[in-house]
Amino acid sequence: MDRTPLVSLIIPAYNVAEYLPQCLDSALGQTYPNLQIVIVDDGSTDRTPSVIDRYAASDPRVMAIHQENAGVMLARKRAIEAATGEYLCFLDGDDYLPLDTVEILYRGIEQWQTDIICGDIVRVSDGYKLSKPEKWDGTIDGNTFMRYQLTNVMEGYLVAKLYRRGLFEGLQYPADISLPKTNS
């Protein structure tokens, strides 16, 4: 019997009730058949918790976790700890995925026998669309990958990538990482 490995979609959510239905619908509509969706409400003060609970009640693939506000890094950490997938894919609560994203990323991991595969990002808002393709293509070792992430040769986002779960074992997650908001 051919069994596709479980992929866990990791979604931190903080005050994104307006965007969350589109995010979760895109997660649940993926063409990849073996998905788990782990969503962590990070102490939201809007309707985010009720949106999450509604989706979790209607689909067994959705795992809802609620916590006091601790920041996106610790929300992701909590989701990773709860996830059971062999692979992890990150999505923010105000993002959404084309319906074949996980399937395409998984096929790439299998084809190239790699631990991480990167896709492109498209930013969309009212009257605005910007494509952000990866700036690098090929196979590299872990140290080179981290150097490229830190020097922006590759996009420094967790989203639009599929990771082998073992890469996250033993990592430390500082709670106080923050980046300035940009208009790009």
Protein backbone atom coordinates (compact mmCIF):
# COMPACT_ATOMS: atom_id res chain seq x y z
CA MET A 1 0.00 0.00 0.00
CA ASP A 2 1.35 3.39 -1.01
CA ARG A 3 1.11 5.75 1.96
CA THR A 4 1.82 9.42 1.54
CA PRO A 5 3.61 10.90 4.56
CA LEU A 6 1.67 13.18 6.84
CA VAL A 7 2.31 16.88 6.27
CA SER A 8 1.48 19.23 9.14
CA LEU A 9 0.51 22.77 8.24
CA ILE A 10 1.62 25.06 11.09
CA ILE A 11 -0.48 28.21 11.47
CA PRO A 12 0.08 30.81 14.20
CA ALA A 13 -2.84 33.22 14.43
CA TYR A 14 -3.17 36.53 16.23
CA ASN A 15 -6.13 38.85 15.55
CA VAL A 16 -6.62 37.63 11.97
CA ALA A 17 -10.33 36.73 12.08
CA GLU A 18 -10.96 38.67 8.88
CA TYR A 19 -8.44 36.60 6.89
CA LEU A 20 -8.56 33.26 8.70
CA PRO A 21 -11.45 31.63 6.78
CA GLN A 22 -9.61 32.08 3.46
CA CYS A 23 -6.42 30.73 5.07
CA LEU A 24 -8.11 27.65 6.52
CA ASP A 25 -10.20 26.99 3.41
CA SER A 26 -7.00 26.99 1.34
CA ALA A 27 -5.35 24.62 3.84
CA LEU A 28 -8.30 22.22 3.91
CA GLY A 29 -8.68 22.33 0.12
CA GLN A 30 -5.13 21.14 -0.61
CA THR A 31 -4.86 18.40 -3.24
CA TYR A 32 -2.23 16.62 -1.11
CA PRO A 33 -4.27 13.91 0.64
CA ASN A 34 -2.61 13.42 4.04
CA LEU A 35 -2.72 16.70 5.94
CA GLN A 36 -2.90 17.84 9.51
CA ILE A 37 -3.60 21.52 10.24
CA VAL A 38 -2.28 22.77 13.59
CA ILE A 39 -3.43 26.29 14.36
CA VAL A 40 -2.41 28.19 17.48
CA ASP A 41 -4.45 31.17 18.63
CA ASP A 42 -1.84 33.37 20.29
CA GLY A 43 -4.15 35.21 22.69
CA SER A 44 -6.25 36.98 20.07
CA THR A 45 -8.74 39.61 21.20
CA ASP A 46 -10.92 39.53 18.08
CA ARG A 47 -13.04 36.63 16.71
CA THR A 48 -9.97 34.51 15.83
CA PRO A 49 -10.57 31.93 18.61
CA SER A 50 -14.16 31.28 17.54
CA VAL A 51 -13.18 30.95 13.86
CA ILE A 52 -10.51 28.41 14.81
CA ASP A 53 -12.89 26.44 17.02
CA ARG A 54 -15.56 26.37 14.30
CA TYR A 55 -13.11 24.87 11.78
CA ALA A 56 -11.71 22.38 14.32
CA ALA A 57 -15.24 21.21 15.15
CA SER A 58 -16.10 20.66 11.50
CA ASP A 59 -12.94 18.86 10.29
CA PRO A 60 -10.86 16.29 12.22
CA ARG A 61 -7.69 17.36 10.37
CA VAL A 62 -7.75 20.69 12.24
CA MET A 63 -6.15 20.84 15.69
CA ALA A 64 -6.97 24.02 17.62
CA ILE A 65 -4.63 25.26 20.34
CA HIS A 66 -5.27 28.37 22.43
CA GLN A 67 -2.63 30.11 24.52
CA GLU A 68 -1.94 33.42 26.18
CA ASN A 69 -0.18 35.87 23.87
CA ALA A 70 3.47 34.77 23.69
CA GLY A 71 4.50 35.89 20.21
CA VAL A 72 4.71 34.19 16.84
CA MET A 73 7.88 32.19 17.56
CA LEU A 74 6.44 30.51 20.64
CA ALA A 75 3.11 29.94 18.89
CA ARG A 76 4.99 28.15 16.11
CA LYS A 77 6.99 26.18 18.66
CA ARG A 78 3.81 25.02 20.35
CA ALA A 79 2.33 23.97 17.02
CA ILE A 80 5.50 22.07 16.03
CA GLU A 81 5.41 20.21 19.36
CA ALA A 82 1.78 19.22 18.76
CA ALA A 83 2.23 18.32 15.09
CA THR A 84 2.68 14.70 14.09
CA GLY A 85 3.66 15.12 10.44
CA GLU A 86 6.88 13.89 8.88
CA TYR A 87 7.01 17.22 7.05
CA LEU A 88 6.12 20.74 8.18
CA CYS A 89 4.74 23.57 6.10
CA PHE A 90 4.26 27.02 7.62
CA LEU A 91 1.43 29.39 6.86
CA ASP A 92 0.46 32.58 8.66
CA GLY A 93 -3.17 33.22 9.57
CA ASP A 94 -3.46 36.01 7.01
CA ASP A 95 -1.95 33.91 4.19
CA TYR A 96 -3.49 31.42 1.83
CA LEU A 97 -2.13 28.71 -0.45
CA PRO A 98 -2.93 27.75 -4.01
CA LEU A 99 -4.71 24.41 -3.72
CA ASP A 100 -1.83 22.30 -5.10
CA THR A 101 0.97 23.91 -3.07
CA VAL A 102 1.68 21.09 -0.62
CA GLU A 103 1.45 18.46 -3.37
CA ILE A 104 3.96 20.33 -5.57
CA LEU A 105 6.36 20.93 -2.68
CA TYR A 106 6.17 17.29 -1.58
CA ARG A 107 6.83 16.03 -5.12
CA GLY A 108 9.91 18.27 -5.19
CA ILE A 109 11.21 16.90 -1.88
CA GLU A 110 10.77 13.36 -3.17
CA GLN A 111 12.29 14.09 -6.58
CA TRP A 112 15.42 15.78 -5.22
CA GLN A 113 15.63 13.78 -1.97
CA THR A 114 16.12 16.94 0.06
CA ASP A 115 15.19 18.21 3.52
CA ILE A 116 13.77 21.58 2.43
CA ILE A 117 12.12 22.76 -0.74
CA CYS A 118 11.29 26.40 -1.44
CA GLY A 119 8.44 27.92 -3.42
CA ASP A 120 7.67 31.46 -4.45
CA ILE A 121 5.65 34.04 -2.54
CA VAL A 122 3.04 36.33 -4.04
CA ARG A 123 1.88 39.26 -1.93
CA VAL A 124 -1.69 40.30 -2.60
CA SER A 125 -3.77 43.08 -1.09
CA ASP A 126 -6.40 45.48 -2.36
CA GLY A 127 -5.15 46.71 -5.72
CA TYR A 128 -1.67 45.29 -5.10
CA LYS A 129 0.11 42.15 -6.24
CA LEU A 130 3.85 41.50 -6.00
CA SER A 131 5.53 38.24 -6.96
CA LYS A 132 8.62 37.34 -4.95
CA PRO A 133 10.33 34.40 -6.64
CA GLU A 134 13.16 32.65 -4.85
CA LYS A 135 16.48 34.19 -5.80
CA TRP A 136 18.34 30.88 -5.86
CA ASP A 137 17.74 27.50 -7.45
CA GLY A 138 19.63 24.29 -6.74
CA THR A 139 20.73 21.92 -3.99
CA ILE A 140 22.78 23.18 -1.03
CA ASP A 141 23.92 22.00 2.38
CA GLY A 142 22.36 23.22 5.65
CA ASN A 143 25.08 25.75 6.50
CA THR A 144 24.83 27.34 3.06
CA PHE A 145 21.05 27.43 3.35
CA MET A 146 21.23 29.29 6.66
CA ARG A 147 23.83 31.71 5.29
CA TYR A 148 21.62 32.40 2.25
CA GLN A 149 18.60 32.92 4.51
CA LEU A 150 20.50 35.38 6.70
CA THR A 151 21.97 37.31 3.76
CA ASN A 152 18.66 37.37 1.86
CA VAL A 153 19.95 35.35 -1.10
CA MET A 154 16.89 33.24 -0.31
CA GLU A 155 13.73 34.72 1.14
CA GLY A 156 13.96 34.63 4.92
CA TYR A 157 10.37 33.49 5.42
CA LEU A 158 9.28 30.16 6.85
CA VAL A 159 6.24 30.16 4.55
CA ALA A 160 6.32 28.82 0.98
CA LYS A 161 8.66 26.00 1.99
CA LEU A 162 8.29 22.37 3.02
CA TYR A 163 10.66 21.09 5.72
CA ARG A 164 11.56 17.62 6.94
CA ARG A 165 10.44 17.62 10.59
CA GLY A 166 13.80 16.46 11.96
CA LEU A 167 15.33 19.83 11.11
CA PHE A 168 13.38 21.38 14.02
CA GLU A 169 14.38 18.89 16.71
CA GLY A 170 16.38 20.51 19.50
CA LEU A 171 16.06 24.08 18.19
CA GLN A 172 15.77 26.94 20.65
CA TYR A 173 12.96 29.43 19.99
CA PRO A 174 13.65 32.91 21.35
CA ALA A 175 10.41 34.71 22.17
CA ASP A 176 11.73 38.22 21.61
CA ILE A 177 12.47 38.12 17.87
CA SER A 178 10.71 40.89 16.00
CA LEU A 179 11.08 42.50 12.61
CA PRO A 180 9.98 45.99 11.60
CA LYS A 181 6.89 46.20 9.43
CA THR A 182 7.65 47.03 5.81
CA ASN A 183 5.51 48.08 2.90
CA SER A 184 7.11 45.62 0.47
